[in-house]
Amino acid sequence: MKLSKQHSNYQSEITQFISALKEKNPHLEESQRAGRALLWDKSPIDLEQQARNQESSINQQAYPYQNKLK
């Protein structure tokens, strides 16, 4: 579907809002990337440490508050 020449420069209200927000806060994208890195980007996995953690873990019963009946 091709838009007519009248609508070729159309911007939605949301696009206009985001553009204005970026103009007011030029470092917005940089702070978003820093926040994402803080919360989501993981450091590389140390395989030796992971193996030690798995070896030292203790199996827990399915429902820990129920006593085992012998």
Protein backbone atom coordinates (compact mmCIF):
# COMPACT_ATOMS: atom_id res chain seq x y z
CA MET A 1 0.00 0.00 0.00
CA LYS A 2 1.52 3.26 -1.10
CA LEU A 3 0.74 6.45 0.81
CA SER A 4 -0.11 9.56 -1.11
CA LYS A 5 2.25 12.54 -1.13
CA GLN A 6 0.07 14.25 1.49
CA HIS A 7 0.88 11.58 4.07
CA SER A 8 4.53 10.91 3.23
CA ASN A 9 5.76 13.19 6.06
CA TYR A 10 3.28 11.89 8.63
CA GLN A 11 4.58 11.20 12.14
CA SER A 12 2.41 9.72 14.85
CA GLU A 13 2.03 11.43 18.21
CA ILE A 14 4.18 8.78 19.83
CA THR A 15 7.01 9.29 17.33
CA GLN A 16 6.83 13.04 17.89
CA PHE A 17 6.89 12.51 21.67
CA ILE A 18 9.95 10.25 21.50
CA SER A 19 11.77 12.67 19.20
CA ALA A 20 11.05 15.58 21.57
CA LEU A 21 12.16 13.49 24.55
CA LYS A 22 15.45 12.63 22.83
CA GLU A 23 16.01 16.32 22.02
CA LYS A 24 15.46 17.32 25.66
CA ASN A 25 17.63 14.48 27.02
CA PRO A 26 20.47 13.78 24.58
CA HIS A 27 22.04 11.17 26.90
CA LEU A 28 18.82 9.18 27.26
CA GLU A 29 19.84 6.29 25.01
CA GLU A 30 23.22 6.01 26.71
CA SER A 31 21.61 5.76 30.15
CA GLN A 32 19.14 3.18 28.82
CA ARG A 33 22.03 1.05 27.55
CA ALA A 34 23.81 1.38 30.91
CA GLY A 35 20.66 0.30 32.76
CA ARG A 36 20.18 -2.64 30.45
CA ALA A 37 23.79 -3.73 30.94
CA LEU A 38 23.38 -3.47 34.70
CA LEU A 39 20.27 -5.65 34.82
CA TRP A 40 20.45 -8.02 31.85
CA ASP A 41 23.93 -8.41 30.40
CA LYS A 42 25.68 -11.28 32.16
CA SER A 43 29.36 -11.77 32.73
CA PRO A 44 30.97 -14.87 31.16
CA ILE A 45 30.40 -18.14 33.02
CA ASP A 46 33.37 -19.61 34.88
CA LEU A 47 33.01 -23.33 34.14
CA GLU A 48 35.27 -24.41 37.02
CA GLN A 49 33.26 -22.39 39.52
CA GLN A 50 30.00 -23.77 38.11
CA ALA A 51 31.29 -27.36 38.46
CA ARG A 52 32.36 -26.70 42.09
CA ASN A 53 28.93 -25.25 42.87
CA GLN A 54 27.15 -28.28 41.41
CA GLU A 55 29.40 -30.71 43.31
CA SER A 56 28.86 -28.92 46.61
CA SER A 57 25.06 -28.67 46.33
CA ILE A 58 22.86 -30.87 48.50
CA ASN A 59 19.70 -32.54 47.23
CA GLN A 60 16.66 -31.18 49.01
CA GLN A 61 13.46 -33.11 49.53
CA ALA A 62 10.46 -31.99 47.51
CA TYR A 63 8.55 -30.59 50.49
CA PRO A 64 11.06 -29.53 53.18
CA TYR A 65 8.53 -29.08 55.99
CA GLN A 66 7.32 -32.68 55.91
CA ASN A 67 9.26 -35.16 58.04
CA LYS A 68 10.47 -38.31 56.37
CA LEU A 69 8.56 -41.35 57.57
CA LYS A 70 10.68 -44.46 57.92
